[in-house]
Amino acid sequence: MIVDPYEVILYPYVTEKTMNQMEKNNALEFIVKRNANKRQIKESVEKMFDVKVKKVNTRISKKGKHALVVLMPEFKAEDVGMRIGIF
């Protein structure tokens, strides 16, 4: 099933903790659609930012469903962060 990546990924989630994740683990955090699965999140991030995803972890909080997306080593989370305006 092909899904529009802009429907799956709602917005980046930026806190001091997520900035540390970006530096230490090459990871970005997004708020995603609550019914999105890990495969849809992975494919959406790869399509939207032209990167390869190593791993996706999800958790549900009051703010919605969080997806911690770890990028492959050849891609830098900081570069993606710059492109989407986190800094």
C-alpha atoms as a PDB file:
ATOM      1  CA  MET A   1       0.000   0.000   0.000  1.00  0.00           C
ATOM      2  CA  ILE A   2       1.481   3.321  -1.109  1.00  0.00           C
ATOM      3  CA  VAL A   3       1.015   6.110   1.407  1.00  0.00           C
ATOM      4  CA  ASP A   4       1.628   9.837   1.001  1.00  0.00           C
ATOM      5  CA  PRO A   5       4.668  10.574   3.215  1.00  0.00           C
ATOM      6  CA  TYR A   6       3.237  13.985   4.129  1.00  0.00           C
ATOM      7  CA  GLU A   7       0.206  12.272   5.679  1.00  0.00           C
ATOM      8  CA  VAL A   8       2.374   9.949   7.805  1.00  0.00           C
ATOM      9  CA  ILE A   9       4.982  12.422   9.115  1.00  0.00           C
ATOM     10  CA  LEU A  10       3.192  15.304  10.832  1.00  0.00           C
ATOM     11  CA  TYR A  11       6.096  17.421  12.136  1.00  0.00           C
ATOM     12  CA  PRO A  12       9.571  17.164  13.692  1.00  0.00           C
ATOM     13  CA  TYR A  13       9.706  16.957  17.480  1.00  0.00           C
ATOM     14  CA  VAL A  14      12.504  19.139  18.826  1.00  0.00           C
ATOM     15  CA  THR A  15      13.661  19.206  22.444  1.00  0.00           C
ATOM     16  CA  GLU A  16      17.048  19.274  24.131  1.00  0.00           C
ATOM     17  CA  LYS A  17      16.877  15.483  24.412  1.00  0.00           C
ATOM     18  CA  THR A  18      16.127  15.021  20.702  1.00  0.00           C
ATOM     19  CA  MET A  19      19.015  17.355  19.829  1.00  0.00           C
ATOM     20  CA  ASN A  20      21.316  15.085  21.881  1.00  0.00           C
ATOM     21  CA  GLN A  21      19.924  12.044  20.039  1.00  0.00           C
ATOM     22  CA  MET A  22      20.738  13.792  16.769  1.00  0.00           C
ATOM     23  CA  GLU A  23      24.378  14.261  17.781  1.00  0.00           C
ATOM     24  CA  LYS A  24      24.987  10.961  19.577  1.00  0.00           C
ATOM     25  CA  ASN A  25      22.860   8.452  17.658  1.00  0.00           C
ATOM     26  CA  ASN A  26      22.367  10.132  14.262  1.00  0.00           C
ATOM     27  CA  ALA A  27      18.617  10.122  14.948  1.00  0.00           C
ATOM     28  CA  LEU A  28      15.663  12.445  14.343  1.00  0.00           C
ATOM     29  CA  GLU A  29      12.326  12.423  16.140  1.00  0.00           C
ATOM     30  CA  PHE A  30       8.973  13.098  14.504  1.00  0.00           C
ATOM     31  CA  ILE A  31       5.356  13.186  15.561  1.00  0.00           C
ATOM     32  CA  VAL A  32       3.587  10.790  13.207  1.00  0.00           C
ATOM     33  CA  LYS A  33       0.056   9.691  12.449  1.00  0.00           C
ATOM     34  CA  ARG A  34      -1.146   7.447  15.245  1.00  0.00           C
ATOM     35  CA  ASN A  35      -2.066   4.506  12.980  1.00  0.00           C
ATOM     36  CA  ALA A  36       1.208   4.604  10.992  1.00  0.00           C
ATOM     37  CA  ASN A  37       3.385   1.512  11.296  1.00  0.00           C
ATOM     38  CA  LYS A  38       7.196   1.415  11.361  1.00  0.00           C
ATOM     39  CA  ARG A  39       7.491   0.443   7.683  1.00  0.00           C
ATOM     40  CA  GLN A  40       5.313   3.390   6.598  1.00  0.00           C
ATOM     41  CA  ILE A  41       7.345   5.763   8.789  1.00  0.00           C
ATOM     42  CA  LYS A  42      10.630   4.432   7.392  1.00  0.00           C
ATOM     43  CA  GLU A  43       9.487   4.720   3.762  1.00  0.00           C
ATOM     44  CA  SER A  44       8.058   8.203   4.363  1.00  0.00           C
ATOM     45  CA  VAL A  45      11.268   9.555   5.918  1.00  0.00           C
ATOM     46  CA  GLU A  46      13.361   7.996   3.139  1.00  0.00           C
ATOM     47  CA  LYS A  47      11.138   9.592   0.475  1.00  0.00           C
ATOM     48  CA  MET A  48      10.813  13.019   2.103  1.00  0.00           C
ATOM     49  CA  PHE A  49      14.486  13.553   2.977  1.00  0.00           C
ATOM     50  CA  ASP A  50      16.279  11.313   0.440  1.00  0.00           C
ATOM     51  CA  VAL A  51      18.092   9.300   3.142  1.00  0.00           C
ATOM     52  CA  LYS A  52      18.330   5.655   4.201  1.00  0.00           C
ATOM     53  CA  VAL A  53      16.828   4.665   7.560  1.00  0.00           C
ATOM     54  CA  LYS A  54      18.537   2.107   9.783  1.00  0.00           C
ATOM     55  CA  LYS A  55      15.857   1.733  12.467  1.00  0.00           C
ATOM     56  CA  VAL A  56      12.556   3.184  13.674  1.00  0.00           C
ATOM     57  CA  ASN A  57      11.397   3.167  17.304  1.00  0.00           C
ATOM     58  CA  THR A  58       7.919   4.361  18.210  1.00  0.00           C
ATOM     59  CA  ARG A  59       6.176   5.352  21.414  1.00  0.00           C
ATOM     60  CA  ILE A  60       2.852   6.933  22.207  1.00  0.00           C
ATOM     61  CA  SER A  61       2.538   9.930  24.538  1.00  0.00           C
ATOM     62  CA  LYS A  62       0.012  12.660  25.267  1.00  0.00           C
ATOM     63  CA  LYS A  63       1.356  14.662  22.336  1.00  0.00           C
ATOM     64  CA  GLY A  64       0.769  11.758  19.928  1.00  0.00           C
ATOM     65  CA  LYS A  65       2.863   9.009  18.401  1.00  0.00           C
ATOM     66  CA  HIS A  66       6.601   9.698  18.425  1.00  0.00           C
ATOM     67  CA  ALA A  67       8.941   8.048  15.940  1.00  0.00           C
ATOM     68  CA  LEU A  68      12.668   8.044  16.666  1.00  0.00           C
ATOM     69  CA  VAL A  69      14.289   7.478  13.265  1.00  0.00           C
ATOM     70  CA  VAL A  70      17.943   6.359  13.232  1.00  0.00           C
ATOM     71  CA  LEU A  71      19.690   7.110   9.942  1.00  0.00           C
ATOM     72  CA  MET A  72      22.339   4.986   8.218  1.00  0.00           C
ATOM     73  CA  PRO A  73      25.911   6.157   9.003  1.00  0.00           C
ATOM     74  CA  GLU A  74      26.453   7.631   5.516  1.00  0.00           C
ATOM     75  CA  PHE A  75      23.679  10.192   6.173  1.00  0.00           C
ATOM     76  CA  LYS A  76      23.897  12.860   8.860  1.00  0.00           C
ATOM     77  CA  ALA A  77      20.881  13.754  11.008  1.00  0.00           C
ATOM     78  CA  GLU A  78      22.332  17.269  11.402  1.00  0.00           C
ATOM     79  CA  ASP A  79      22.166  17.804   7.623  1.00  0.00           C
ATOM     80  CA  VAL A  80      18.523  16.740   7.515  1.00  0.00           C
ATOM     81  CA  GLY A  81      17.840  18.945  10.538  1.00  0.00           C
ATOM     82  CA  MET A  82      19.355  21.923   8.738  1.00  0.00           C
ATOM     83  CA  ARG A  83      17.197  21.259   5.654  1.00  0.00           C
ATOM     84  CA  ILE A  84      13.952  21.114   7.630  1.00  0.00           C
ATOM     85  CA  GLY A  85      14.843  24.146   9.746  1.00  0.00           C
ATOM     86  CA  ILE A  86      15.407  22.644  13.214  1.00  0.00           C
ATOM     87  CA  PHE A  87      18.425  24.910  13.822  1.00  0.00           C
END
